[in-house]
PDB file of all heavy atoms in Angstrom:
ATOM      1  N   GLU A   1      27.443 -16.140  -5.830  1.00  0.00           N
ATOM      2  CA  GLU A   1      28.178 -14.953  -5.468  1.00  0.00           C
ATOM      3  C   GLU A   1      28.292 -13.941  -6.596  1.00  0.00           C
ATOM      4  O   GLU A   1      28.965 -12.981  -6.532  1.00  0.00           O
ATOM      5  CB  GLU A   1      29.622 -15.303  -4.982  1.00  0.00           C
ATOM      6  CG  GLU A   1      29.657 -16.377  -3.907  1.00  0.00           C
ATOM      7  CD  GLU A   1      28.972 -15.916  -2.593  1.00  0.00           C
ATOM      8  OE1 GLU A   1      29.063 -14.777  -2.308  1.00  0.00           O
ATOM      9  OE2 GLU A   1      28.301 -16.776  -1.966  1.00  0.00           O
ATOM     10  N   GLY A   2      27.514 -14.177  -7.680  1.00  0.00           N
ATOM     11  CA  GLY A   2      27.452 -13.205  -8.765  1.00  0.00           C
ATOM     12  C   GLY A   2      26.389 -12.120  -8.552  1.00  0.00           C
ATOM     13  O   GLY A   2      25.932 -11.912  -7.390  1.00  0.00           O
ATOM     14  N   ILE A   3      25.976 -11.475  -9.613  1.00  0.00           N
ATOM     15  CA  ILE A   3      24.979 -10.456  -9.492  1.00  0.00           C
ATOM     16  C   ILE A   3      23.827 -10.758 -10.438  1.00  0.00           C
ATOM     17  O   ILE A   3      24.019 -11.335 -11.519  1.00  0.00           O
ATOM     18  CB  ILE A   3      25.533  -9.049  -9.724  1.00  0.00           C
ATOM     19  CG1 ILE A   3      26.113  -8.909 -11.164  1.00  0.00           C
ATOM     20  CG2 ILE A   3      26.639  -8.709  -8.703  1.00  0.00           C
ATOM     21  CD1 ILE A   3      26.536  -7.521 -11.516  1.00  0.00           C
ATOM     22  N   CYS A   4      22.620 -10.257  -9.987  1.00  0.00           N
ATOM     23  CA  CYS A   4      21.433 -10.359 -10.895  1.00  0.00           C
ATOM     24  C   CYS A   4      20.911  -8.919 -11.072  1.00  0.00           C
ATOM     25  O   CYS A   4      20.641  -8.267 -10.065  1.00  0.00           O
ATOM     26  CB  CYS A   4      20.364 -11.277 -10.142  1.00  0.00           C
ATOM     27  SG  CYS A   4      18.695 -11.108 -10.859  1.00  0.00           S
ATOM     28  N   VAL A   5      20.806  -8.526 -12.319  1.00  0.00           N
ATOM     29  CA  VAL A   5      20.263  -7.201 -12.636  1.00  0.00           C
ATOM     30  C   VAL A   5      18.860  -7.462 -13.257  1.00  0.00           C
ATOM     31  O   VAL A   5      18.705  -8.050 -14.356  1.00  0.00           O
ATOM     32  CB  VAL A   5      21.142  -6.493 -13.583  1.00  0.00           C
ATOM     33  CG1 VAL A   5      20.535  -5.076 -13.897  1.00  0.00           C
ATOM     34  CG2 VAL A   5      22.580  -6.323 -12.968  1.00  0.00           C
ATOM     35  N   PHE A   6      17.809  -6.956 -12.646  1.00  0.00           N
ATOM     36  CA  PHE A   6      16.458  -7.075 -13.185  1.00  0.00           C
ATOM     37  C   PHE A   6      16.314  -6.146 -14.357  1.00  0.00           C
ATOM     38  O   PHE A   6      16.672  -4.927 -14.348  1.00  0.00           O
ATOM     39  CB  PHE A   6      15.438  -6.774 -12.132  1.00  0.00           C
ATOM     40  CG  PHE A   6      15.345  -7.847 -11.041  1.00  0.00           C
ATOM     41  CD1 PHE A   6      16.010  -7.716  -9.900  1.00  0.00           C
ATOM     42  CD2 PHE A   6      14.552  -8.929 -11.274  1.00  0.00           C
ATOM     43  CE1 PHE A   6      16.026  -8.679  -8.895  1.00  0.00           C
ATOM     44  CE2 PHE A   6      14.476  -9.977 -10.307  1.00  0.00           C
ATOM     45  CZ  PHE A   6      15.235  -9.832  -9.110  1.00  0.00           C
ATOM     46  N   GLN A   7      15.808  -6.667 -15.520  1.00  0.00           N
ATOM     47  CA  GLN A   7      15.656  -5.965 -16.663  1.00  0.00           C
ATOM     48  C   GLN A   7      14.214  -5.339 -16.839  1.00  0.00           C
ATOM     49  O   GLN A   7      14.055  -4.338 -17.411  1.00  0.00           O
ATOM     50  CB  GLN A   7      15.924  -6.812 -17.943  1.00  0.00           C
ATOM     51  CG  GLN A   7      17.281  -7.488 -17.883  1.00  0.00           C
ATOM     52  CD  GLN A   7      18.407  -6.501 -17.953  1.00  0.00           C
ATOM     53  OE1 GLN A   7      18.558  -5.772 -18.963  1.00  0.00           O
ATOM     54  NE2 GLN A   7      19.189  -6.372 -16.851  1.00  0.00           N
ATOM     55  N   THR A   8      13.227  -6.082 -16.346  1.00  0.00           N
ATOM     56  CA  THR A   8      11.852  -5.636 -16.325  1.00  0.00           C
ATOM     57  C   THR A   8      11.208  -5.772 -15.066  1.00  0.00           C
ATOM     58  O   THR A   8      11.801  -6.388 -14.137  1.00  0.00           O
ATOM     59  CB  THR A   8      11.020  -6.412 -17.431  1.00  0.00           C
ATOM     60  OG1 THR A   8      11.100  -7.809 -17.094  1.00  0.00           O
ATOM     61  CG2 THR A   8      11.613  -6.207 -18.781  1.00  0.00           C
ATOM     62  N   GLY A   9       9.964  -5.350 -14.899  1.00  0.00           N
ATOM     63  CA  GLY A   9       9.230  -5.498 -13.529  1.00  0.00           C
ATOM     64  C   GLY A   9       9.528  -4.289 -12.665  1.00  0.00           C
ATOM     65  O   GLY A   9      10.178  -3.306 -13.022  1.00  0.00           O
ATOM     66  N   ARG A  10       9.025  -4.354 -11.457  1.00  0.00           N
ATOM     67  CA  ARG A  10       9.042  -3.287 -10.495  1.00  0.00           C
ATOM     68  C   ARG A  10      10.525  -2.991 -10.051  1.00  0.00           C
ATOM     69  O   ARG A  10      10.811  -1.901  -9.641  1.00  0.00           O
ATOM     70  CB  ARG A  10       8.239  -3.587  -9.311  1.00  0.00           C
ATOM     71  CG  ARG A  10       6.757  -3.713  -9.651  1.00  0.00           C
ATOM     72  CD  ARG A  10       5.874  -4.105  -8.458  1.00  0.00           C
ATOM     73  NE  ARG A  10       5.811  -3.036  -7.495  1.00  0.00           N
ATOM     74  CZ  ARG A  10       5.172  -3.105  -6.301  1.00  0.00           C
ATOM     75  NH1 ARG A  10       4.504  -4.219  -6.049  1.00  0.00           N
ATOM     76  NH2 ARG A  10       5.157  -2.107  -5.483  1.00  0.00           N
ATOM     77  N   ASN A  11      11.400  -4.037 -10.155  1.00  0.00           N
ATOM     78  CA  ASN A  11      12.771  -3.849  -9.751  1.00  0.00           C
ATOM     79  C   ASN A  11      13.710  -3.587 -10.939  1.00  0.00           C
ATOM     80  O   ASN A  11      14.927  -3.707 -10.818  1.00  0.00           O
ATOM     81  CB  ASN A  11      13.304  -5.161  -9.017  1.00  0.00           C
ATOM     82  CG  ASN A  11      12.623  -5.361  -7.659  1.00  0.00           C
ATOM     83  OD1 ASN A  11      12.875  -4.541  -6.745  1.00  0.00           O
ATOM     84  ND2 ASN A  11      11.787  -6.388  -7.553  1.00  0.00           N
ATOM     85  N   ALA A  12      13.146  -3.118 -12.054  1.00  0.00           N
ATOM     86  CA  ALA A  12      13.933  -2.963 -13.283  1.00  0.00           C
ATOM     87  C   ALA A  12      15.097  -2.034 -12.972  1.00  0.00           C
ATOM     88  O   ALA A  12      14.880  -0.923 -12.425  1.00  0.00           O
ATOM     89  CB  ALA A  12      13.066  -2.408 -14.387  1.00  0.00           C
ATOM     90  N   GLY A  13      16.353  -2.457 -13.404  1.00  0.00           N
ATOM     91  CA  GLY A  13      17.499  -1.635 -13.135  1.00  0.00           C
ATOM     92  C   GLY A  13      18.228  -1.859 -11.869  1.00  0.00           C
ATOM     93  O   GLY A  13      19.329  -1.415 -11.660  1.00  0.00           O
ATOM     94  N   LYS A  14      17.584  -2.678 -10.931  1.00  0.00           N
ATOM     95  CA  LYS A  14      18.193  -2.895  -9.613  1.00  0.00           C
ATOM     96  C   LYS A  14      19.161  -4.113  -9.698  1.00  0.00           C
ATOM     97  O   LYS A  14      18.879  -5.112 -10.369  1.00  0.00           O
ATOM     98  CB  LYS A  14      17.164  -3.161  -8.609  1.00  0.00           C
ATOM     99  CG  LYS A  14      16.181  -1.960  -8.336  1.00  0.00           C
ATOM    100  CD  LYS A  14      16.977  -0.746  -7.904  1.00  0.00           C
ATOM    101  CE  LYS A  14      16.106   0.473  -7.704  1.00  0.00           C
ATOM    102  NZ  LYS A  14      16.967   1.636  -7.301  1.00  0.00           N
ATOM    103  N   THR A  15      20.291  -3.946  -8.968  1.00  0.00           N
ATOM    104  CA  THR A  15      21.289  -5.014  -8.927  1.00  0.00           C
ATOM    105  C   THR A  15      21.224  -5.680  -7.564  1.00  0.00           C
ATOM    106  O   THR A  15      21.266  -4.994  -6.513  1.00  0.00           O
ATOM    107  CB  THR A  15      22.682  -4.393  -9.180  1.00  0.00           C
ATOM    108  OG1 THR A  15      22.658  -3.775 -10.462  1.00  0.00           O
ATOM    109  CG2 THR A  15      23.761  -5.429  -9.092  1.00  0.00           C
ATOM    110  N   CYS A  16      21.188  -6.987  -7.612  1.00  0.00           N
ATOM    111  CA  CYS A  16      21.117  -7.765  -6.394  1.00  0.00           C
ATOM    112  C   CYS A  16      22.223  -8.841  -6.384  1.00  0.00           C
ATOM    113  O   CYS A  16      22.491  -9.413  -7.453  1.00  0.00           O
ATOM    114  CB  CYS A  16      19.724  -8.447  -6.186  1.00  0.00           C
ATOM    115  SG  CYS A  16      18.384  -7.273  -6.083  1.00  0.00           S
ATOM    116  N   GLU A  17      22.802  -9.095  -5.246  1.00  0.00           N
ATOM    117  CA  GLU A  17      23.815 -10.181  -5.187  1.00  0.00           C
ATOM    118  C   GLU A  17      23.106 -11.516  -5.075  1.00  0.00           C
ATOM    119  O   GLU A  17      22.178 -11.675  -4.350  1.00  0.00           O
ATOM    120  CB  GLU A  17      24.674  -9.890  -4.057  1.00  0.00           C
ATOM    121  CG  GLU A  17      25.543  -8.689  -4.067  1.00  0.00           C
ATOM    122  CD  GLU A  17      26.513  -8.487  -2.916  1.00  0.00           C
ATOM    123  OE1 GLU A  17      27.431  -9.327  -2.783  1.00  0.00           O
ATOM    124  OE2 GLU A  17      26.287  -7.618  -2.121  1.00  0.00           O
ATOM    125  N   ILE A  18      23.669 -12.556  -5.751  1.00  0.00           N
ATOM    126  CA  ILE A  18      23.176 -13.834  -5.704  1.00  0.00           C
ATOM    127  C   ILE A  18      23.856 -14.687  -4.616  1.00  0.00           C
ATOM    128  O   ILE A  18      25.132 -14.625  -4.442  1.00  0.00           O
ATOM    129  CB  ILE A  18      23.474 -14.595  -7.052  1.00  0.00           C
ATOM    130  CG1 ILE A  18      22.847 -13.745  -8.200  1.00  0.00           C
ATOM    131  CG2 ILE A  18      22.886 -15.990  -7.031  1.00  0.00           C
ATOM    132  CD1 ILE A  18      23.271 -14.304  -9.600  1.00  0.00           C
ATOM    133  N   SER A  19      23.122 -15.299  -3.776  1.00  0.00           N
ATOM    134  CA  SER A  19      23.658 -16.167  -2.736  1.00  0.00           C
ATOM    135  C   SER A  19      23.980 -17.542  -3.263  1.00  0.00           C
ATOM    136  O   SER A  19      25.133 -17.970  -3.289  1.00  0.00           O
ATOM    137  CB  SER A  19      22.662 -16.295  -1.502  1.00  0.00           C
ATOM    138  OG  SER A  19      23.137 -17.226  -0.598  1.00  0.00           O
ATOM    139  N   HIS A  20      22.966 -18.189  -3.833  1.00  0.00           N
ATOM    140  CA  HIS A  20      23.176 -19.511  -4.431  1.00  0.00           C
ATOM    141  C   HIS A  20      21.943 -19.865  -5.280  1.00  0.00           C
ATOM    142  O   HIS A  20      20.838 -19.339  -5.126  1.00  0.00           O
ATOM    143  CB  HIS A  20      23.502 -20.573  -3.430  1.00  0.00           C
ATOM    144  CG  HIS A  20      22.371 -20.832  -2.482  1.00  0.00           C
ATOM    145  ND1 HIS A  20      22.203 -20.050  -1.336  1.00  0.00           N
ATOM    146  CD2 HIS A  20      21.368 -21.714  -2.528  1.00  0.00           C
ATOM    147  CE1 HIS A  20      21.076 -20.505  -0.694  1.00  0.00           C
ATOM    148  NE2 HIS A  20      20.591 -21.513  -1.357  1.00  0.00           N
ATOM    149  N   THR A  21      22.124 -20.873  -6.149  1.00  0.00           N
ATOM    150  CA  THR A  21      21.022 -21.429  -6.975  1.00  0.00           C
ATOM    151  C   THR A  21      21.027 -22.929  -6.778  1.00  0.00           C
ATOM    152  O   THR A  21      22.047 -23.548  -6.625  1.00  0.00           O
ATOM    153  CB  THR A  21      21.206 -21.085  -8.489  1.00  0.00           C
ATOM    154  OG1 THR A  21      22.431 -21.621  -8.934  1.00  0.00           O
ATOM    155  CG2 THR A  21      21.202 -19.526  -8.652  1.00  0.00           C
ATOM    156  N   GLN A  22      19.849 -23.442  -6.835  1.00  0.00           N
ATOM    157  CA  GLN A  22      19.673 -24.862  -6.671  1.00  0.00           C
ATOM    158  C   GLN A  22      18.333 -25.329  -7.300  1.00  0.00           C
ATOM    159  O   GLN A  22      17.264 -24.797  -6.889  1.00  0.00           O
ATOM    160  CB  GLN A  22      19.724 -25.344  -5.257  1.00  0.00           C
ATOM    161  CG  GLN A  22      19.694 -26.819  -5.003  1.00  0.00           C
ATOM    162  CD  GLN A  22      19.814 -27.262  -3.586  1.00  0.00           C
ATOM    163  OE1 GLN A  22      19.790 -26.387  -2.670  1.00  0.00           O
ATOM    164  NE2 GLN A  22      19.978 -28.568  -3.363  1.00  0.00           N
ATOM    165  N   ASP A  23      18.352 -26.290  -8.193  1.00  0.00           N
ATOM    166  CA  ASP A  23      17.130 -26.794  -8.811  1.00  0.00           C
ATOM    167  C   ASP A  23      16.278 -25.728  -9.383  1.00  0.00           C
ATOM    168  O   ASP A  23      15.012 -25.661  -9.174  1.00  0.00           O
ATOM    169  CB  ASP A  23      16.310 -27.603  -7.775  1.00  0.00           C
ATOM    170  CG  ASP A  23      17.116 -28.799  -7.191  1.00  0.00           C
ATOM    171  OD1 ASP A  23      17.863 -29.338  -7.989  1.00  0.00           O
ATOM    172  OD2 ASP A  23      16.869 -29.145  -6.130  1.00  0.00           O
ATOM    173  N   MET A  24      16.886 -24.805 -10.154  1.00  0.00           N
ATOM    174  CA  MET A  24      16.188 -23.738 -10.782  1.00  0.00           C
ATOM    175  C   MET A  24      15.564 -22.687  -9.869  1.00  0.00           C
ATOM    176  O   MET A  24      14.620 -21.960 -10.172  1.00  0.00           O
ATOM    177  CB  MET A  24      15.215 -24.236 -11.847  1.00  0.00           C
ATOM    178  CG  MET A  24      15.845 -25.042 -12.895  1.00  0.00           C
ATOM    179  SD  MET A  24      14.724 -25.797 -14.095  1.00  0.00           S
ATOM    180  CE  MET A  24      14.224 -24.338 -15.080  1.00  0.00           C
ATOM    181  N   VAL A  25      16.005 -22.712  -8.600  1.00  0.00           N
ATOM    182  CA  VAL A  25      15.539 -21.772  -7.669  1.00  0.00           C
ATOM    183  C   VAL A  25      16.728 -20.858  -7.243  1.00  0.00           C
ATOM    184  O   VAL A  25      17.769 -21.358  -6.909  1.00  0.00           O
ATOM    185  CB  VAL A  25      15.005 -22.465  -6.350  1.00  0.00           C
ATOM    186  CG1 VAL A  25      14.624 -21.379  -5.275  1.00  0.00           C
ATOM    187  CG2 VAL A  25      13.730 -23.239  -6.765  1.00  0.00           C
ATOM    188  N   MET A  26      16.552 -19.525  -7.426  1.00  0.00           N
ATOM    189  CA  MET A  26      17.606 -18.625  -7.094  1.00  0.00           C
ATOM    190  C   MET A  26      17.358 -17.896  -5.780  1.00  0.00           C
ATOM    191  O   MET A  26      16.215 -17.472  -5.470  1.00  0.00           O
ATOM    192  CB  MET A  26      17.705 -17.554  -8.219  1.00  0.00           C
ATOM    193  CG  MET A  26      18.868 -16.588  -7.993  1.00  0.00           C
ATOM    194  SD  MET A  26      19.039 -15.454  -9.458  1.00  0.00           S
ATOM    195  CE  MET A  26      19.289 -16.606 -10.804  1.00  0.00           C
ATOM    196  N   THR A  27      18.434 -17.817  -4.972  1.00  0.00           N
ATOM    197  CA  THR A  27      18.273 -17.103  -3.702  1.00  0.00           C
ATOM    198  C   THR A  27      19.232 -15.942  -3.629  1.00  0.00           C
ATOM    199  O   THR A  27      20.454 -16.051  -3.960  1.00  0.00           O
ATOM    200  CB  THR A  27      18.637 -18.050  -2.499  1.00  0.00           C
ATOM    201  OG1 THR A  27      17.756 -19.206  -2.542  1.00  0.00           O
ATOM    202  CG2 THR A  27      18.431 -17.354  -1.132  1.00  0.00           C
ATOM    203  N   LEU A  28      18.746 -14.758  -3.327  1.00  0.00           N
ATOM    204  CA  LEU A  28      19.539 -13.529  -3.248  1.00  0.00           C
ATOM    205  C   LEU A  28      20.085 -13.339  -1.883  1.00  0.00           C
ATOM    206  O   LEU A  28      19.552 -13.814  -0.902  1.00  0.00           O
ATOM    207  CB  LEU A  28      18.714 -12.336  -3.606  1.00  0.00           C
ATOM    208  CG  LEU A  28      17.956 -12.356  -5.002  1.00  0.00           C
ATOM    209  CD1 LEU A  28      17.140 -11.118  -5.125  1.00  0.00           C
ATOM    210  CD2 LEU A  28      18.992 -12.517  -6.078  1.00  0.00           C
ATOM    211  N   LYS A  29      21.234 -12.671  -1.733  1.00  0.00           N
ATOM    212  CA  LYS A  29      21.812 -12.444  -0.413  1.00  0.00           C
ATOM    213  C   LYS A  29      20.907 -11.534   0.397  1.00  0.00           C
ATOM    214  O   LYS A  29      20.751 -11.710   1.588  1.00  0.00           O
ATOM    215  CB  LYS A  29      23.246 -11.857  -0.629  1.00  0.00           C
ATOM    216  CG  LYS A  29      24.288 -12.798  -0.955  1.00  0.00           C
ATOM    217  CD  LYS A  29      25.679 -12.166  -0.839  1.00  0.00           C
ATOM    218  CE  LYS A  29      26.795 -13.121  -1.113  1.00  0.00           C
ATOM    219  NZ  LYS A  29      28.137 -12.531  -0.944  1.00  0.00           N
ATOM    220  N   PHE A  30      20.338 -10.504  -0.215  1.00  0.00           N
ATOM    221  CA  PHE A  30      19.481  -9.622   0.426  1.00  0.00           C
ATOM    222  C   PHE A  30      18.202  -9.439  -0.414  1.00  0.00           C
ATOM    223  O   PHE A  30      18.238  -9.547  -1.667  1.00  0.00           O
ATOM    224  CB  PHE A  30      20.160  -8.218   0.613  1.00  0.00           C
ATOM    225  CG  PHE A  30      21.472  -8.324   1.355  1.00  0.00           C
ATOM    226  CD1 PHE A  30      22.692  -8.299   0.703  1.00  0.00           C
ATOM    227  CD2 PHE A  30      21.516  -8.406   2.632  1.00  0.00           C
ATOM    228  CE1 PHE A  30      23.882  -8.355   1.271  1.00  0.00           C
ATOM    229  CE2 PHE A  30      22.684  -8.518   3.436  1.00  0.00           C
ATOM    230  CZ  PHE A  30      23.876  -8.504   2.698  1.00  0.00           C
ATOM    231  N   ALA A  31      17.063  -9.174   0.229  1.00  0.00           N
ATOM    232  CA  ALA A  31      15.855  -9.056  -0.481  1.00  0.00           C
ATOM    233  C   ALA A  31      15.888  -8.003  -1.444  1.00  0.00           C
ATOM    234  O   ALA A  31      16.498  -6.914  -1.224  1.00  0.00           O
ATOM    235  CB  ALA A  31      14.715  -8.849   0.501  1.00  0.00           C
ATOM    236  N   ALA A  32      15.160  -8.171  -2.618  1.00  0.00           N
ATOM    237  CA  ALA A  32      15.070  -7.095  -3.583  1.00  0.00           C
ATOM    238  C   ALA A  32      14.293  -5.936  -3.013  1.00  0.00           C
ATOM    239  O   ALA A  32      13.447  -6.181  -2.116  1.00  0.00           O
ATOM    240  CB  ALA A  32      14.374  -7.656  -4.843  1.00  0.00           C
ATOM    241  N   PRO A  33      14.430  -4.731  -3.460  1.00  0.00           N
ATOM    242  CA  PRO A  33      13.747  -3.571  -2.871  1.00  0.00           C
ATOM    243  C   PRO A  33      12.242  -3.715  -2.980  1.00  0.00           C
ATOM    244  O   PRO A  33      11.539  -3.363  -2.093  1.00  0.00           O
ATOM    245  CB  PRO A  33      14.235  -2.393  -3.709  1.00  0.00           C
ATOM    246  CG  PRO A  33      15.539  -2.876  -4.311  1.00  0.00           C
ATOM    247  CD  PRO A  33      15.449  -4.327  -4.469  1.00  0.00           C
ATOM    248  N   LEU A  34      11.775  -4.214  -4.116  1.00  0.00           N
ATOM    249  CA  LEU A  34      10.300  -4.363  -4.376  1.00  0.00           C
ATOM    250  C   LEU A  34       9.933  -5.777  -4.684  1.00  0.00           C
ATOM    251  O   LEU A  34      10.822  -6.644  -5.012  1.00  0.00           O
ATOM    252  CB  LEU A  34       9.868  -3.417  -5.509  1.00  0.00           C
ATOM    253  CG  LEU A  34      10.225  -1.913  -5.235  1.00  0.00           C
ATOM    254  CD1 LEU A  34       9.944  -1.109  -6.533  1.00  0.00           C
ATOM    255  CD2 LEU A  34       9.372  -1.419  -4.153  1.00  0.00           C
ATOM    256  N   PRO A  35       8.661  -6.161  -4.582  1.00  0.00           N
ATOM    257  CA  PRO A  35       8.281  -7.518  -4.867  1.00  0.00           C
ATOM    258  C   PRO A  35       8.654  -7.985  -6.228  1.00  0.00           C
ATOM    259  O   PRO A  35       8.573  -7.205  -7.255  1.00  0.00           O
ATOM    260  CB  PRO A  35       6.707  -7.457  -4.725  1.00  0.00           C
ATOM    261  CG  PRO A  35       6.464  -6.330  -3.806  1.00  0.00           C
ATOM    262  CD  PRO A  35       7.541  -5.317  -4.123  1.00  0.00           C
ATOM    263  N   ILE A  36       9.095  -9.284  -6.316  1.00  0.00           N
ATOM    264  CA  ILE A  36       9.500  -9.883  -7.602  1.00  0.00           C
ATOM    265  C   ILE A  36       8.233 -10.611  -8.105  1.00  0.00           C
ATOM    266  O   ILE A  36       7.565 -11.301  -7.364  1.00  0.00           O
ATOM    267  CB  ILE A  36      10.602 -10.879  -7.356  1.00  0.00           C
ATOM    268  CG1 ILE A  36      11.826 -10.186  -6.761  1.00  0.00           C
ATOM    269  CG2 ILE A  36      10.984 -11.591  -8.661  1.00  0.00           C
ATOM    270  CD1 ILE A  36      12.929 -11.095  -6.359  1.00  0.00           C
ATOM    271  N   GLU A  37       7.981 -10.465  -9.408  1.00  0.00           N
ATOM    272  CA  GLU A  37       6.738 -11.043  -9.983  1.00  0.00           C
ATOM    273  C   GLU A  37       7.050 -11.974 -11.132  1.00  0.00           C
ATOM    274  O   GLU A  37       8.125 -11.786 -11.791  1.00  0.00           O
ATOM    275  CB  GLU A  37       5.820  -9.917 -10.413  1.00  0.00           C
ATOM    276  CG  GLU A  37       5.410  -8.989  -9.261  1.00  0.00           C
ATOM    277  CD  GLU A  37       4.598  -7.772  -9.746  1.00  0.00           C
ATOM    278  OE1 GLU A  37       4.702  -7.478 -10.945  1.00  0.00           O
ATOM    279  OE2 GLU A  37       3.941  -7.106  -8.986  1.00  0.00           O
ATOM    280  N   SER A  38       6.105 -12.859 -11.367  1.00  0.00           N
ATOM    281  CA  SER A  38       6.275 -13.785 -12.536  1.00  0.00           C
ATOM    282  C   SER A  38       6.301 -12.986 -13.831  1.00  0.00           C
ATOM    283  O   SER A  38       5.569 -11.997 -14.027  1.00  0.00           O
ATOM    284  CB  SER A  38       5.060 -14.726 -12.578  1.00  0.00           C
ATOM    285  OG  SER A  38       5.076 -15.493 -13.746  1.00  0.00           O
ATOM    286  N   GLY A  39       7.308 -13.431 -14.657  1.00  0.00           N
ATOM    287  CA  GLY A  39       7.555 -12.678 -15.934  1.00  0.00           C
ATOM    288  C   GLY A  39       8.659 -11.670 -15.874  1.00  0.00           C
ATOM    289  O   GLY A  39       9.008 -11.187 -16.979  1.00  0.00           O
ATOM    290  N   ASP A  40       9.125 -11.341 -14.716  1.00  0.00           N
ATOM    291  CA  ASP A  40      10.284 -10.413 -14.668  1.00  0.00           C
ATOM    292  C   ASP A  40      11.478 -11.075 -15.295  1.00  0.00           C
ATOM    293  O   ASP A  40      11.768 -12.223 -15.021  1.00  0.00           O
ATOM    294  CB  ASP A  40      10.593 -10.087 -13.169  1.00  0.00           C
ATOM    295  CG  ASP A  40       9.511  -9.214 -12.510  1.00  0.00           C
ATOM    296  OD1 ASP A  40       8.635  -8.845 -13.241  1.00  0.00           O
ATOM    297  OD2 ASP A  40       9.661  -8.971 -11.313  1.00  0.00           O
ATOM    298  N   THR A  41      12.143 -10.302 -16.164  1.00  0.00           N
ATOM    299  CA  THR A  41      13.402 -10.834 -16.760  1.00  0.00           C
ATOM    300  C   THR A  41      14.641 -10.267 -16.027  1.00  0.00           C
ATOM    301  O   THR A  41      14.563  -9.223 -15.373  1.00  0.00           O
ATOM    302  CB  THR A  41      13.466 -10.454 -18.258  1.00  0.00           C
ATOM    303  OG1 THR A  41      13.448  -9.015 -18.379  1.00  0.00           O
ATOM    304  CG2 THR A  41      12.327 -11.084 -19.006  1.00  0.00           C
ATOM    305  N   PHE A  42      15.735 -11.019 -16.183  1.00  0.00           N
ATOM    306  CA  PHE A  42      16.980 -10.585 -15.447  1.00  0.00           C
ATOM    307  C   PHE A  42      18.162 -10.953 -16.283  1.00  0.00           C
ATOM    308  O   PHE A  42      18.094 -11.822 -17.182  1.00  0.00           O
ATOM    309  CB  PHE A  42      17.032 -11.271 -14.134  1.00  0.00           C
ATOM    310  CG  PHE A  42      16.842 -12.798 -14.118  1.00  0.00           C
ATOM    311  CD1 PHE A  42      17.866 -13.635 -14.414  1.00  0.00           C
ATOM    312  CD2 PHE A  42      15.532 -13.355 -13.883  1.00  0.00           C
ATOM    313  CE1 PHE A  42      17.699 -14.978 -14.483  1.00  0.00           C
ATOM    314  CE2 PHE A  42      15.427 -14.737 -13.879  1.00  0.00           C
ATOM    315  CZ  PHE A  42      16.491 -15.582 -14.177  1.00  0.00           C
ATOM    316  N   LEU A  43      19.313 -10.321 -15.881  1.00  0.00           N
ATOM    317  CA  LEU A  43      20.609 -10.640 -16.527  1.00  0.00           C
ATOM    318  C   LEU A  43      21.499 -11.069 -15.359  1.00  0.00           C
ATOM    319  O   LEU A  43      21.648 -10.298 -14.437  1.00  0.00           O
ATOM    320  CB  LEU A  43      21.157  -9.396 -17.208  1.00  0.00           C
ATOM    321  CG  LEU A  43      22.559  -9.484 -17.777  1.00  0.00           C
ATOM    322  CD1 LEU A  43      22.702 -10.500 -18.938  1.00  0.00           C
ATOM    323  CD2 LEU A  43      23.069  -8.129 -18.187  1.00  0.00           C
ATOM    324  N   LEU A  44      22.177 -12.239 -15.516  1.00  0.00           N
ATOM    325  CA  LEU A  44      23.036 -12.725 -14.454  1.00  0.00           C
ATOM    326  C   LEU A  44      24.506 -12.592 -14.960  1.00  0.00           C
ATOM    327  O   LEU A  44      24.831 -12.816 -16.159  1.00  0.00           O
ATOM    328  CB  LEU A  44      22.796 -14.137 -14.178  1.00  0.00           C
ATOM    329  CG  LEU A  44      21.302 -14.551 -13.793  1.00  0.00           C
ATOM    330  CD1 LEU A  44      21.229 -16.054 -13.491  1.00  0.00           C
ATOM    331  CD2 LEU A  44      20.893 -13.720 -12.586  1.00  0.00           C
TER     332      LEU A  44
END
C-alpha cells in the first residue's frame, strides 16, 4: 500500500501505488504508464 517512484527508465519520475510484494515480485495497483524494463531503478 506504499508508493514506488521510478528513478530511471521510460517511467522515470512516475509514481505508482504498490499493491503487494511476495518472493521479490512486486505488484502495482495500476499498470505503469509505459513498459517497465530490466535495469530500471526505483525508490519505495
